[in-house]
Amino acid sequence: MLYLIIESQNGEVYLNQTVSKGAIIATLLFVLAFYLTFYALRSIGIYKLAKTEGVKNAFIAFIPCIWMFTACKVIGKSRFFGFTIEKAAVWICVVFSIATLVPLIYDFLNYFPYVMYYLQGGEVSIISGNGIYIGTGNDFINLFDTQGVRVLLRFLLIFNYILRLAEIFITVSIYIALFRKFWPEHYILAAVLSFFGLFSIMVFAIRNRKAVDFNEYIRNRFYGAGYTPYGNYGRNGQNTDERGTPYYNNDNGEKEPFGEFNNRPDEPFSEFDNDKKNDDK
């Protein structure tokens, strides 16, 4: 039997409920369906982007853990610790895969004995009070509860914290680089939502988009097409910007060393200044 017990920190019992096997199976099926849905969305999204970019062996996007390899190949030339993400794909994939497997091993060593005890007809109680832990009947013998396993669990726990930090850094870097390339208009929002578990939905949403040069996008977004910071020298015998305005000559015909900033485009948030002025009126 499986019991769910919820206690306060003072030991007061709020809930003591027997959990049926049907409820356990239904919960497991729901979790599995939820996971497979997100897994499919993520894999399809990365696979479609990989095919668009001409990445070889794009089907790797459907393989657990090493799907990150395909994602790195899709991103391509973005920098990561001095290397392009494409060239660092193998090492990124290795770190990400280990960071995924270590928690699974830790949970297996922690909870497998309780699961087997329950399947053999034993009584297991999930008790939530000061912490969350699993208690069992008096006849329970945990064959995994040895000094060696306890040392291994401590090591895995510490190692998992280190890997978790590395995984967070890698995934955030991947999210930012990927969405900068395929969804530059909202890449920060998409990266933040992905970090909080919506990466599958975000990457599926951009599966049919074409790659964009982010630097070119920024230039076109804020300065207009064709803008370069050096202007078009030689137009009509003058040093002019894209609009044909001389960089250096002022009203007296004298050169201004910072004249190019006199005609710079509006600030990207200047519309808020206009709203403020209207409110003041």
C-alpha atoms as a PDB file:
ATOM      1  CA  MET A   1       0.000   0.000   0.000  1.00  0.00           C
ATOM      2  CA  LEU A   2       1.026   3.600  -0.610  1.00  0.00           C
ATOM      3  CA  TYR A   3       0.078   6.327   1.845  1.00  0.00           C
ATOM      4  CA  LEU A   4       0.293  10.076   1.360  1.00  0.00           C
ATOM      5  CA  ILE A   5       0.739  11.871   4.669  1.00  0.00           C
ATOM      6  CA  ILE A   6       1.018  15.657   5.027  1.00  0.00           C
ATOM      7  CA  GLU A   7       2.138  17.020   8.367  1.00  0.00           C
ATOM      8  CA  SER A   8       2.842  20.473   9.766  1.00  0.00           C
ATOM      9  CA  GLN A   9       6.198  21.331  11.266  1.00  0.00           C
ATOM     10  CA  ASN A  10       4.623  20.715  14.670  1.00  0.00           C
ATOM     11  CA  GLY A  11       3.658  17.185  13.677  1.00  0.00           C
ATOM     12  CA  GLU A  12      -0.053  17.909  13.127  1.00  0.00           C
ATOM     13  CA  VAL A  13      -1.452  15.658  10.382  1.00  0.00           C
ATOM     14  CA  TYR A  14      -3.428  17.467   7.685  1.00  0.00           C
ATOM     15  CA  LEU A  15      -3.865  14.508   5.353  1.00  0.00           C
ATOM     16  CA  ASN A  16      -3.496  10.755   5.643  1.00  0.00           C
ATOM     17  CA  GLN A  17      -4.708   9.251   2.403  1.00  0.00           C
ATOM     18  CA  THR A  18      -4.291   5.836   0.819  1.00  0.00           C
ATOM     19  CA  VAL A  19      -3.231   6.145  -2.822  1.00  0.00           C
ATOM     20  CA  SER A  20      -4.723   3.474  -5.081  1.00  0.00           C
ATOM     21  CA  LYS A  21      -2.790   1.730  -7.838  1.00  0.00           C
ATOM     22  CA  GLY A  22      -5.197   3.208 -10.377  1.00  0.00           C
ATOM     23  CA  ALA A  23      -4.319   6.728  -9.224  1.00  0.00           C
ATOM     24  CA  ILE A  24      -0.609   5.919  -9.433  1.00  0.00           C
ATOM     25  CA  ILE A  25      -0.947   4.530 -12.974  1.00  0.00           C
ATOM     26  CA  ALA A  26      -3.062   7.507 -14.089  1.00  0.00           C
ATOM     27  CA  THR A  27      -0.515   9.940 -12.671  1.00  0.00           C
ATOM     28  CA  LEU A  28       2.378   8.161 -14.350  1.00  0.00           C
ATOM     29  CA  LEU A  29       0.542   8.098 -17.698  1.00  0.00           C
ATOM     30  CA  PHE A  30      -0.243  11.813 -17.421  1.00  0.00           C
ATOM     31  CA  VAL A  31       3.377  12.671 -16.621  1.00  0.00           C
ATOM     32  CA  LEU A  32       4.595  10.448 -19.465  1.00  0.00           C
ATOM     33  CA  ALA A  33       2.182  12.018 -21.970  1.00  0.00           C
ATOM     34  CA  PHE A  34       3.171  15.510 -20.838  1.00  0.00           C
ATOM     35  CA  TYR A  35       6.867  14.704 -21.177  1.00  0.00           C
ATOM     36  CA  LEU A  36       6.490  13.026 -24.593  1.00  0.00           C
ATOM     37  CA  THR A  37       4.481  15.973 -25.932  1.00  0.00           C
ATOM     38  CA  PHE A  38       7.182  18.474 -24.979  1.00  0.00           C
ATOM     39  CA  TYR A  39       9.867  16.056 -26.177  1.00  0.00           C
ATOM     40  CA  ALA A  40       8.198  15.760 -29.591  1.00  0.00           C
ATOM     41  CA  LEU A  41       7.726  19.537 -29.954  1.00  0.00           C
ATOM     42  CA  ARG A  42      11.383  20.202 -29.129  1.00  0.00           C
ATOM     43  CA  SER A  43      12.712  17.467 -31.410  1.00  0.00           C
ATOM     44  CA  ILE A  44      10.538  18.483 -34.361  1.00  0.00           C
ATOM     45  CA  GLY A  45      11.478  22.141 -33.942  1.00  0.00           C
ATOM     46  CA  ILE A  46      15.230  21.494 -33.877  1.00  0.00           C
ATOM     47  CA  TYR A  47      14.965  18.918 -36.673  1.00  0.00           C
ATOM     48  CA  LYS A  48      13.167  21.371 -38.988  1.00  0.00           C
ATOM     49  CA  LEU A  49      15.705  24.108 -38.286  1.00  0.00           C
ATOM     50  CA  ALA A  50      18.551  21.657 -38.895  1.00  0.00           C
ATOM     51  CA  LYS A  51      17.091  20.610 -42.244  1.00  0.00           C
ATOM     52  CA  THR A  52      16.671  24.254 -43.253  1.00  0.00           C
ATOM     53  CA  GLU A  53      20.306  24.966 -42.331  1.00  0.00           C
ATOM     54  CA  GLY A  54      21.556  21.872 -44.149  1.00  0.00           C
ATOM     55  CA  VAL A  55      22.876  20.179 -40.984  1.00  0.00           C
ATOM     56  CA  LYS A  56      23.956  16.576 -41.548  1.00  0.00           C
ATOM     57  CA  ASN A  57      22.328  13.815 -39.495  1.00  0.00           C
ATOM     58  CA  ALA A  58      19.525  16.113 -38.363  1.00  0.00           C
ATOM     59  CA  PHE A  59      17.664  13.072 -36.981  1.00  0.00           C
ATOM     60  CA  ILE A  60      19.950  13.252 -33.911  1.00  0.00           C
ATOM     61  CA  ALA A  61      17.511  15.912 -32.696  1.00  0.00           C
ATOM     62  CA  PHE A  62      15.172  13.051 -31.718  1.00  0.00           C
ATOM     63  CA  ILE A  63      17.741  11.191 -29.577  1.00  0.00           C
ATOM     64  CA  PRO A  64      17.655  11.884 -25.802  1.00  0.00           C
ATOM     65  CA  CYS A  65      20.570  13.828 -24.298  1.00  0.00           C
ATOM     66  CA  ILE A  66      22.579  14.205 -27.508  1.00  0.00           C
ATOM     67  CA  TRP A  67      19.893  16.301 -29.220  1.00  0.00           C
ATOM     68  CA  MET A  68      21.956  19.242 -27.972  1.00  0.00           C
ATOM     69  CA  PHE A  69      24.591  18.341 -30.599  1.00  0.00           C
ATOM     70  CA  THR A  70      22.147  19.131 -33.407  1.00  0.00           C
ATOM     71  CA  ALA A  71      21.091  22.356 -31.683  1.00  0.00           C
ATOM     72  CA  CYS A  72      24.749  23.480 -31.577  1.00  0.00           C
ATOM     73  CA  LYS A  73      25.181  22.697 -35.273  1.00  0.00           C
ATOM     74  CA  VAL A  74      22.065  24.724 -36.076  1.00  0.00           C
ATOM     75  CA  ILE A  75      23.412  27.744 -34.181  1.00  0.00           C
ATOM     76  CA  GLY A  76      26.748  27.576 -35.997  1.00  0.00           C
ATOM     77  CA  LYS A  77      29.205  30.450 -35.608  1.00  0.00           C
ATOM     78  CA  SER A  78      28.132  32.058 -32.332  1.00  0.00           C
ATOM     79  CA  ARG A  79      30.982  32.253 -29.826  1.00  0.00           C
ATOM     80  CA  PHE A  80      31.254  30.118 -26.681  1.00  0.00           C
ATOM     81  CA  PHE A  81      34.374  30.405 -24.455  1.00  0.00           C
ATOM     82  CA  GLY A  82      36.417  31.589 -27.417  1.00  0.00           C
ATOM     83  CA  PHE A  83      35.159  28.806 -29.694  1.00  0.00           C
ATOM     84  CA  THR A  84      32.224  28.774 -32.035  1.00  0.00           C
ATOM     85  CA  ILE A  85      29.304  26.810 -30.643  1.00  0.00           C
ATOM     86  CA  GLU A  86      29.462  24.624 -33.732  1.00  0.00           C
ATOM     87  CA  LYS A  87      33.062  23.552 -32.996  1.00  0.00           C
ATOM     88  CA  ALA A  88      32.358  23.102 -29.278  1.00  0.00           C
ATOM     89  CA  ALA A  89      29.261  21.003 -30.015  1.00  0.00           C
ATOM     90  CA  VAL A  90      30.789  17.694 -28.904  1.00  0.00           C
ATOM     91  CA  TRP A  91      31.996  19.000 -25.535  1.00  0.00           C
ATOM     92  CA  ILE A  92      28.764  20.883 -24.914  1.00  0.00           C
ATOM     93  CA  CYS A  93      26.836  17.718 -25.703  1.00  0.00           C
ATOM     94  CA  VAL A  94      29.008  15.649 -23.330  1.00  0.00           C
ATOM     95  CA  VAL A  95      28.578  18.070 -20.406  1.00  0.00           C
ATOM     96  CA  PHE A  96      24.846  18.404 -21.041  1.00  0.00           C
ATOM     97  CA  SER A  97      24.377  14.617 -21.276  1.00  0.00           C
ATOM     98  CA  ILE A  98      26.272  13.955 -18.021  1.00  0.00           C
ATOM     99  CA  ALA A  99      24.282  16.710 -16.301  1.00  0.00           C
ATOM    100  CA  THR A 100      21.109  14.917 -17.410  1.00  0.00           C
ATOM    101  CA  LEU A 101      22.199  11.410 -16.408  1.00  0.00           C
ATOM    102  CA  VAL A 102      23.688  12.130 -12.959  1.00  0.00           C
ATOM    103  CA  PRO A 103      20.352  13.181 -11.351  1.00  0.00           C
ATOM    104  CA  LEU A 104      18.722  10.064 -12.816  1.00  0.00           C
ATOM    105  CA  ILE A 105      21.390   7.841 -11.235  1.00  0.00           C
ATOM    106  CA  TYR A 106      21.022   9.677  -7.916  1.00  0.00           C
ATOM    107  CA  ASP A 107      17.228   9.249  -7.910  1.00  0.00           C
ATOM    108  CA  PHE A 108      17.552   5.581  -8.868  1.00  0.00           C
ATOM    109  CA  LEU A 109      19.861   4.812  -5.940  1.00  0.00           C
ATOM    110  CA  ASN A 110      17.599   6.784  -3.610  1.00  0.00           C
ATOM    111  CA  TYR A 111      14.156   5.522  -4.586  1.00  0.00           C
ATOM    112  CA  PHE A 112      14.505   2.200  -6.422  1.00  0.00           C
ATOM    113  CA  PRO A 113      14.464   0.164  -3.157  1.00  0.00           C
ATOM    114  CA  TYR A 114      11.196   1.807  -2.075  1.00  0.00           C
ATOM    115  CA  VAL A 115       9.588   1.181  -5.457  1.00  0.00           C
ATOM    116  CA  MET A 116      10.590  -2.499  -5.381  1.00  0.00           C
ATOM    117  CA  TYR A 117       9.342  -2.826  -1.805  1.00  0.00           C
ATOM    118  CA  TYR A 118       5.978  -1.341  -2.825  1.00  0.00           C
ATOM    119  CA  LEU A 119       5.695  -3.625  -5.889  1.00  0.00           C
ATOM    120  CA  GLN A 120       6.317  -6.619  -3.620  1.00  0.00           C
ATOM    121  CA  GLY A 121       3.328  -5.630  -1.457  1.00  0.00           C
ATOM    122  CA  GLY A 122       5.041  -3.597   1.257  1.00  0.00           C
ATOM    123  CA  GLU A 123       3.628  -0.437   2.833  1.00  0.00           C
ATOM    124  CA  VAL A 124       5.290   2.806   1.805  1.00  0.00           C
ATOM    125  CA  SER A 125       4.372   6.256   3.152  1.00  0.00           C
ATOM    126  CA  ILE A 126       5.245   9.525   1.440  1.00  0.00           C
ATOM    127  CA  ILE A 127       5.431  11.952   4.335  1.00  0.00           C
ATOM    128  CA  SER A 128       5.681  15.731   3.902  1.00  0.00           C
ATOM    129  CA  GLY A 129       6.548  17.691   7.015  1.00  0.00           C
ATOM    130  CA  ASN A 130       9.807  19.482   7.705  1.00  0.00           C
ATOM    131  CA  GLY A 131      11.015  17.903   4.476  1.00  0.00           C
ATOM    132  CA  ILE A 132       9.836  15.336   1.948  1.00  0.00           C
ATOM    133  CA  TYR A 133      10.909  11.769   2.552  1.00  0.00           C
ATOM    134  CA  ILE A 134       9.694   8.221   2.202  1.00  0.00           C
ATOM    135  CA  GLY A 135       9.065   5.968   5.174  1.00  0.00           C
ATOM    136  CA  THR A 136       8.301   2.227   5.105  1.00  0.00           C
ATOM    137  CA  GLY A 137       7.082  -0.614   7.271  1.00  0.00           C
ATOM    138  CA  ASN A 138       9.189  -2.398   9.872  1.00  0.00           C
ATOM    139  CA  ASP A 139      10.030  -5.288   7.536  1.00  0.00           C
ATOM    140  CA  PHE A 140      11.689  -3.064   4.949  1.00  0.00           C
ATOM    141  CA  ILE A 141      15.332  -3.819   4.255  1.00  0.00           C
ATOM    142  CA  ASN A 142      17.181  -1.392   1.997  1.00  0.00           C
ATOM    143  CA  LEU A 143      19.956  -3.369   0.382  1.00  0.00           C
ATOM    144  CA  PHE A 144      21.242  -0.113  -1.139  1.00  0.00           C
ATOM    145  CA  ASP A 145      21.739   1.446   2.291  1.00  0.00           C
ATOM    146  CA  THR A 146      25.448   0.693   2.628  1.00  0.00           C
ATOM    147  CA  GLN A 147      28.416   2.881   3.445  1.00  0.00           C
ATOM    148  CA  GLY A 148      29.629   2.710  -0.137  1.00  0.00           C
ATOM    149  CA  VAL A 149      26.271   3.769  -1.575  1.00  0.00           C
ATOM    150  CA  ARG A 150      25.954   6.615   0.945  1.00  0.00           C
ATOM    151  CA  VAL A 151      29.391   7.937  -0.044  1.00  0.00           C
ATOM    152  CA  LEU A 152      28.457   7.612  -3.709  1.00  0.00           C
ATOM    153  CA  LEU A 153      25.214   9.511  -3.131  1.00  0.00           C
ATOM    154  CA  ARG A 154      27.055  12.374  -1.421  1.00  0.00           C
ATOM    155  CA  PHE A 155      29.511  12.546  -4.299  1.00  0.00           C
ATOM    156  CA  LEU A 156      26.699  12.507  -6.868  1.00  0.00           C
ATOM    157  CA  LEU A 157      24.856  15.240  -4.987  1.00  0.00           C
ATOM    158  CA  ILE A 158      27.872  17.570  -4.947  1.00  0.00           C
ATOM    159  CA  PHE A 159      28.783  16.682  -8.523  1.00  0.00           C
ATOM    160  CA  ASN A 160      25.192  17.343  -9.562  1.00  0.00           C
ATOM    161  CA  TYR A 161      25.322  20.882  -8.117  1.00  0.00           C
ATOM    162  CA  ILE A 162      28.441  21.625 -10.178  1.00  0.00           C
ATOM    163  CA  LEU A 163      26.959  20.099 -13.314  1.00  0.00           C
ATOM    164  CA  ARG A 164      23.723  21.967 -12.740  1.00  0.00           C
ATOM    165  CA  LEU A 165      25.550  25.298 -12.826  1.00  0.00           C
ATOM    166  CA  ALA A 166      27.349  24.257 -16.023  1.00  0.00           C
ATOM    167  CA  GLU A 167      24.058  23.071 -17.527  1.00  0.00           C
ATOM    168  CA  ILE A 168      22.332  26.359 -16.735  1.00  0.00           C
ATOM    169  CA  PHE A 169      25.153  28.340 -18.348  1.00  0.00           C
ATOM    170  CA  ILE A 170      25.165  26.109 -21.438  1.00  0.00           C
ATOM    171  CA  THR A 171      21.411  26.053 -21.945  1.00  0.00           C
ATOM    172  CA  VAL A 172      21.036  29.815 -21.479  1.00  0.00           C
ATOM    173  CA  SER A 173      23.856  30.387 -23.983  1.00  0.00           C
ATOM    174  CA  ILE A 174      22.200  28.000 -26.443  1.00  0.00           C
ATOM    175  CA  TYR A 175      18.784  29.608 -26.016  1.00  0.00           C
ATOM    176  CA  ILE A 176      20.100  33.123 -26.563  1.00  0.00           C
ATOM    177  CA  ALA A 177      22.218  32.172 -29.590  1.00  0.00           C
ATOM    178  CA  LEU A 178      19.425  30.133 -31.186  1.00  0.00           C
ATOM    179  CA  PHE A 179      16.727  32.761 -30.848  1.00  0.00           C
ATOM    180  CA  ARG A 180      19.072  35.584 -31.868  1.00  0.00           C
ATOM    181  CA  LYS A 181      19.565  33.700 -35.109  1.00  0.00           C
ATOM    182  CA  PHE A 182      15.952  32.745 -35.829  1.00  0.00           C
ATOM    183  CA  TRP A 183      13.803  35.146 -33.793  1.00  0.00           C
ATOM    184  CA  PRO A 184      15.870  38.282 -33.130  1.00  0.00           C
ATOM    185  CA  GLU A 185      12.816  40.464 -32.497  1.00  0.00           C
ATOM    186  CA  HIS A 186      11.995  38.631 -29.272  1.00  0.00           C
ATOM    187  CA  TYR A 187      15.091  36.597 -28.488  1.00  0.00           C
ATOM    188  CA  ILE A 188      15.370  37.762 -24.853  1.00  0.00           C
ATOM    189  CA  LEU A 189      11.741  36.919 -24.082  1.00  0.00           C
ATOM    190  CA  ALA A 190      12.041  33.558 -25.843  1.00  0.00           C
ATOM    191  CA  ALA A 191      15.249  32.726 -23.951  1.00  0.00           C
ATOM    192  CA  VAL A 192      13.678  33.622 -20.588  1.00  0.00           C
ATOM    193  CA  LEU A 193      10.564  31.532 -21.274  1.00  0.00           C
ATOM    194  CA  SER A 194      12.781  28.674 -22.436  1.00  0.00           C
ATOM    195  CA  PHE A 195      14.786  28.827 -19.213  1.00  0.00           C
ATOM    196  CA  PHE A 196      11.531  28.396 -17.279  1.00  0.00           C
ATOM    197  CA  GLY A 197      10.625  25.226 -19.169  1.00  0.00           C
ATOM    198  CA  LEU A 198       8.955  26.416 -22.376  1.00  0.00           C
ATOM    199  CA  PHE A 199      11.864  25.786 -24.742  1.00  0.00           C
ATOM    200  CA  SER A 200       9.970  23.034 -26.573  1.00  0.00           C
ATOM    201  CA  ILE A 201       7.105  25.389 -27.393  1.00  0.00           C
ATOM    202  CA  MET A 202       9.409  28.256 -28.357  1.00  0.00           C
ATOM    203  CA  VAL A 203      11.625  26.223 -30.705  1.00  0.00           C
ATOM    204  CA  PHE A 204       8.584  24.543 -32.276  1.00  0.00           C
ATOM    205  CA  ALA A 205       7.095  27.995 -32.943  1.00  0.00           C
ATOM    206  CA  ILE A 206      10.163  29.085 -34.960  1.00  0.00           C
ATOM    207  CA  ARG A 207      10.705  25.785 -36.807  1.00  0.00           C
ATOM    208  CA  ASN A 208       9.907  27.309 -40.223  1.00  0.00           C
ATOM    209  CA  ARG A 209      11.806  30.575 -39.815  1.00  0.00           C
ATOM    210  CA  LYS A 210      14.920  31.452 -41.790  1.00  0.00           C
ATOM    211  CA  ALA A 211      18.245  32.352 -40.219  1.00  0.00           C
ATOM    212  CA  VAL A 212      18.943  36.050 -39.670  1.00  0.00           C
ATOM    213  CA  ASP A 213      22.255  37.877 -39.290  1.00  0.00           C
ATOM    214  CA  PHE A 214      21.670  39.464 -35.885  1.00  0.00           C
ATOM    215  CA  ASN A 215      24.164  42.303 -36.392  1.00  0.00           C
ATOM    216  CA  GLU A 216      22.581  43.147 -39.728  1.00  0.00           C
ATOM    217  CA  TYR A 217      19.146  42.989 -38.131  1.00  0.00           C
ATOM    218  CA  ILE A 218      20.191  45.506 -35.463  1.00  0.00           C
ATOM    219  CA  ARG A 219      21.662  47.864 -38.072  1.00  0.00           C
ATOM    220  CA  ASN A 220      18.509  47.730 -40.154  1.00  0.00           C
ATOM    221  CA  ARG A 221      16.265  47.973 -37.117  1.00  0.00           C
ATOM    222  CA  PHE A 222      17.777  51.124 -35.648  1.00  0.00           C
ATOM    223  CA  TYR A 223      19.683  52.766 -38.500  1.00  0.00           C
ATOM    224  CA  GLY A 224      17.894  51.764 -41.659  1.00  0.00           C
ATOM    225  CA  ALA A 225      19.008  49.510 -44.485  1.00  0.00           C
ATOM    226  CA  GLY A 226      22.439  50.157 -45.872  1.00  0.00           C
ATOM    227  CA  TYR A 227      23.749  52.139 -42.909  1.00  0.00           C
ATOM    228  CA  THR A 228      27.401  51.819 -42.012  1.00  0.00           C
ATOM    229  CA  PRO A 229      29.125  53.709 -39.198  1.00  0.00           C
ATOM    230  CA  TYR A 230      31.608  55.142 -41.698  1.00  0.00           C
ATOM    231  CA  GLY A 231      29.078  56.566 -44.128  1.00  0.00           C
ATOM    232  CA  ASN A 232      29.492  56.609 -47.916  1.00  0.00           C
ATOM    233  CA  TYR A 233      32.746  58.428 -48.516  1.00  0.00           C
ATOM    234  CA  GLY A 234      33.152  60.048 -51.908  1.00  0.00           C
ATOM    235  CA  ARG A 235      29.464  60.739 -52.619  1.00  0.00           C
ATOM    236  CA  ASN A 236      29.385  64.008 -54.547  1.00  0.00           C
ATOM    237  CA  GLY A 237      32.961  64.642 -53.434  1.00  0.00           C
ATOM    238  CA  GLN A 238      31.972  64.760 -49.763  1.00  0.00           C
ATOM    239  CA  ASN A 239      32.093  62.519 -46.730  1.00  0.00           C
ATOM    240  CA  THR A 240      28.406  61.828 -46.246  1.00  0.00           C
ATOM    241  CA  ASP A 241      26.189  59.470 -44.330  1.00  0.00           C
ATOM    242  CA  GLU A 242      23.590  57.228 -45.980  1.00  0.00           C
ATOM    243  CA  ARG A 243      21.163  60.140 -46.205  1.00  0.00           C
ATOM    244  CA  GLY A 244      23.697  62.250 -48.092  1.00  0.00           C
ATOM    245  CA  THR A 245      24.353  64.593 -45.170  1.00  0.00           C
ATOM    246  CA  PRO A 246      28.008  65.704 -44.822  1.00  0.00           C
ATOM    247  CA  TYR A 247      29.596  64.411 -41.654  1.00  0.00           C
ATOM    248  CA  TYR A 248      31.915  67.282 -40.848  1.00  0.00           C
ATOM    249  CA  ASN A 249      30.829  70.653 -42.259  1.00  0.00           C
ATOM    250  CA  ASN A 250      28.969  73.015 -39.948  1.00  0.00           C
ATOM    251  CA  ASP A 251      27.175  76.223 -40.912  1.00  0.00           C
ATOM    252  CA  ASN A 252      30.496  78.082 -41.211  1.00  0.00           C
ATOM    253  CA  GLY A 253      32.013  75.478 -43.481  1.00  0.00           C
ATOM    254  CA  GLU A 254      34.306  74.266 -40.711  1.00  0.00           C
ATOM    255  CA  LYS A 255      34.917  70.608 -39.970  1.00  0.00           C
ATOM    256  CA  GLU A 256      33.338  69.210 -36.842  1.00  0.00           C
ATOM    257  CA  PRO A 257      35.193  66.176 -35.454  1.00  0.00           C
ATOM    258  CA  PHE A 258      31.986  64.684 -34.029  1.00  0.00           C
ATOM    259  CA  GLY A 259      29.590  65.935 -36.651  1.00  0.00           C
ATOM    260  CA  GLU A 260      28.421  62.464 -37.536  1.00  0.00           C
ATOM    261  CA  PHE A 261      26.466  62.341 -34.288  1.00  0.00           C
ATOM    262  CA  ASN A 262      24.404  65.421 -35.118  1.00  0.00           C
ATOM    263  CA  ASN A 263      22.171  63.497 -37.495  1.00  0.00           C
ATOM    264  CA  ARG A 264      22.001  60.174 -35.768  1.00  0.00           C
ATOM    265  CA  PRO A 265      18.624  58.387 -35.847  1.00  0.00           C
ATOM    266  CA  ASP A 266      16.041  58.607 -33.107  1.00  0.00           C
ATOM    267  CA  GLU A 267      16.573  56.603 -29.960  1.00  0.00           C
ATOM    268  CA  PRO A 268      14.647  53.303 -29.968  1.00  0.00           C
ATOM    269  CA  PHE A 269      12.497  54.383 -26.999  1.00  0.00           C
ATOM    270  CA  SER A 270      12.043  58.022 -27.984  1.00  0.00           C
ATOM    271  CA  GLU A 271       8.283  57.564 -28.368  1.00  0.00           C
ATOM    272  CA  PHE A 272       8.016  57.405 -24.599  1.00  0.00           C
ATOM    273  CA  ASP A 273       9.587  60.862 -24.367  1.00  0.00           C
ATOM    274  CA  ASN A 274       6.851  62.243 -26.643  1.00  0.00           C
ATOM    275  CA  ASP A 275       4.171  60.650 -24.495  1.00  0.00           C
ATOM    276  CA  LYS A 276       5.714  62.229 -21.408  1.00  0.00           C
ATOM    277  CA  LYS A 277       5.767  65.679 -23.050  1.00  0.00           C
ATOM    278  CA  ASN A 278       2.090  65.324 -23.999  1.00  0.00           C
ATOM    279  CA  ASP A 279       1.235  64.350 -20.436  1.00  0.00           C
ATOM    280  CA  ASP A 280       3.057  67.422 -19.138  1.00  0.00           C
ATOM    281  CA  LYS A 281       0.949  69.617 -21.364  1.00  0.00           C
END
